[in-house]
C-alpha cells in the first residue's frame, strides 16, 4: 500500500490544484504498480506554514513561490 506525501507551502495551491495533484500522482503510481493497487494508493497533501520552509538559506512564502512560477526572482 503506497503512501505518498506531497509537502507544499500553505496558500500556494488552490483546493482544485491539490485535487489535481492527488489524482495525477495516483495515476502515475497506477501506471507503474498496476490497476489493482489504485484503491490502496494513498496520497496526502501537507501544507507547511509560510516561513517554515526554506531554500538556499532563505525562508519562502506563498508570494515567493508564485513569483518563481511567474519566472521572477523571489
C-alpha atoms as a PDB file:
ATOM      1  CA  UNK A   1       0.000   0.000   0.000  1.00  0.00           C
ATOM      2  CA  UNK A   2       1.821   3.145  -1.184  1.00  0.00           C
ATOM      3  CA  UNK A   3       1.575   6.286   0.946  1.00  0.00           C
ATOM      4  CA  UNK A   4       2.736   9.373  -0.936  1.00  0.00           C
ATOM      5  CA  UNK A   5       3.145  12.674   0.868  1.00  0.00           C
ATOM      6  CA  UNK A   6       3.374  15.933  -1.046  1.00  0.00           C
ATOM      7  CA  UNK A   7       4.542  18.859   1.056  1.00  0.00           C
ATOM      8  CA  UNK A   8       3.688  22.346  -0.153  1.00  0.00           C
ATOM      9  CA  UNK A   9       3.788  25.821   1.303  1.00  0.00           C
ATOM     10  CA  UNK A  10       0.375  26.859   2.612  1.00  0.00           C
ATOM     11  CA  UNK A  11      -1.664  29.019   0.225  1.00  0.00           C
ATOM     12  CA  UNK A  12       0.408  28.152  -2.864  1.00  0.00           C
ATOM     13  CA  UNK A  13      -2.076  25.672  -4.357  1.00  0.00           C
ATOM     14  CA  UNK A  14      -5.823  26.072  -4.646  1.00  0.00           C
ATOM     15  CA  UNK A  15      -8.118  23.262  -3.496  1.00  0.00           C
ATOM     16  CA  UNK A  16      -8.614  22.338  -7.170  1.00  0.00           C
ATOM     17  CA  UNK A  17      -4.869  22.167  -7.781  1.00  0.00           C
ATOM     18  CA  UNK A  18      -4.439  19.923  -4.736  1.00  0.00           C
ATOM     19  CA  UNK A  19      -7.171  17.594  -6.053  1.00  0.00           C
ATOM     20  CA  UNK A  20      -5.368  17.535  -9.412  1.00  0.00           C
ATOM     21  CA  UNK A  21      -2.084  16.651  -7.707  1.00  0.00           C
ATOM     22  CA  UNK A  22      -3.727  13.792  -5.836  1.00  0.00           C
ATOM     23  CA  UNK A  23      -5.420  12.486  -8.976  1.00  0.00           C
ATOM     24  CA  UNK A  24      -2.359  12.729 -11.220  1.00  0.00           C
ATOM     25  CA  UNK A  25       0.084  11.275  -8.700  1.00  0.00           C
ATOM     26  CA  UNK A  26      -2.318   8.383  -8.159  1.00  0.00           C
ATOM     27  CA  UNK A  27      -2.490   7.838 -11.923  1.00  0.00           C
ATOM     28  CA  UNK A  28       1.311   7.817 -12.148  1.00  0.00           C
ATOM     29  CA  UNK A  29       1.538   5.178  -9.426  1.00  0.00           C
ATOM     30  CA  UNK A  30      -1.145   3.029 -11.004  1.00  0.00           C
ATOM     31  CA  UNK A  31       0.755   3.205 -14.299  1.00  0.00           C
ATOM     32  CA  UNK A  32       3.758   1.663 -12.523  1.00  0.00           C
ATOM     33  CA  UNK A  33       2.086  -0.576  -9.929  1.00  0.00           C
ATOM     34  CA  UNK A  34      -0.967  -1.737 -11.828  1.00  0.00           C
ATOM     35  CA  UNK A  35      -4.674  -1.031 -11.550  1.00  0.00           C
ATOM     36  CA  UNK A  36      -5.146  -3.454  -8.649  1.00  0.00           C
ATOM     37  CA  UNK A  37      -3.368  -1.046  -6.294  1.00  0.00           C
ATOM     38  CA  UNK A  38      -5.464   2.052  -7.144  1.00  0.00           C
ATOM     39  CA  UNK A  39      -7.794   1.631  -4.161  1.00  0.00           C
ATOM     40  CA  UNK A  40      -4.898   1.321  -1.714  1.00  0.00           C
ATOM     41  CA  UNK A  41      -2.697   4.106  -3.096  1.00  0.00           C
ATOM     42  CA  UNK A  42      -2.837   6.932  -0.577  1.00  0.00           C
ATOM     43  CA  UNK A  43      -1.803  10.460  -1.499  1.00  0.00           C
ATOM     44  CA  UNK A  44      -1.839  13.272   1.015  1.00  0.00           C
ATOM     45  CA  UNK A  45      -1.002  16.942   0.655  1.00  0.00           C
ATOM     46  CA  UNK A  46       0.540  18.510   3.723  1.00  0.00           C
ATOM     47  CA  UNK A  47       0.692  22.272   3.909  1.00  0.00           C
ATOM     48  CA  UNK A  48       3.678  23.821   5.651  1.00  0.00           C
ATOM     49  CA  UNK A  49       3.241  27.281   7.146  1.00  0.00           C
ATOM     50  CA  UNK A  50       4.767  30.136   5.178  1.00  0.00           C
ATOM     51  CA  UNK A  51       8.178  30.967   6.583  1.00  0.00           C
ATOM     52  CA  UNK A  52       8.652  27.403   7.903  1.00  0.00           C
ATOM     53  CA  UNK A  53      10.169  26.289   4.603  1.00  0.00           C
ATOM     54  CA  UNK A  54      13.422  27.494   3.167  1.00  0.00           C
ATOM     55  CA  UNK A  55      15.782  27.005   0.290  1.00  0.00           C
ATOM     56  CA  UNK A  56      19.297  28.309  -0.036  1.00  0.00           C
ATOM     57  CA  UNK A  57      19.138  29.754   3.467  1.00  0.00           C
ATOM     58  CA  UNK A  58      16.070  31.892   2.683  1.00  0.00           C
ATOM     59  CA  UNK A  59      12.590  31.283   4.023  1.00  0.00           C
ATOM     60  CA  UNK A  60       9.805  31.124   1.463  1.00  0.00           C
ATOM     61  CA  UNK A  61       6.280  32.466   1.411  1.00  0.00           C
ATOM     62  CA  UNK A  62       3.443  31.698  -0.973  1.00  0.00           C
ATOM     63  CA  UNK A  63       4.166  35.010  -2.719  1.00  0.00           C
ATOM     64  CA  UNK A  64       7.775  33.897  -3.304  1.00  0.00           C
ATOM     65  CA  UNK A  65       6.599  30.646  -4.894  1.00  0.00           C
ATOM     66  CA  UNK A  66       4.052  32.453  -7.078  1.00  0.00           C
ATOM     67  CA  UNK A  67       6.813  34.840  -8.207  1.00  0.00           C
ATOM     68  CA  UNK A  68       9.070  31.893  -9.089  1.00  0.00           C
ATOM     69  CA  UNK A  69       6.240  30.257 -11.044  1.00  0.00           C
ATOM     70  CA  UNK A  70       5.834  33.511 -12.979  1.00  0.00           C
ATOM     71  CA  UNK A  71       9.554  33.475 -13.808  1.00  0.00           C
ATOM     72  CA  UNK A  72      10.506  36.259 -11.410  1.00  0.00           C
ATOM     73  CA  UNK A  73      13.164  36.107  -8.716  1.00  0.00           C
ATOM     74  CA  UNK A  74      11.808  35.502  -5.220  1.00  0.00           C
END
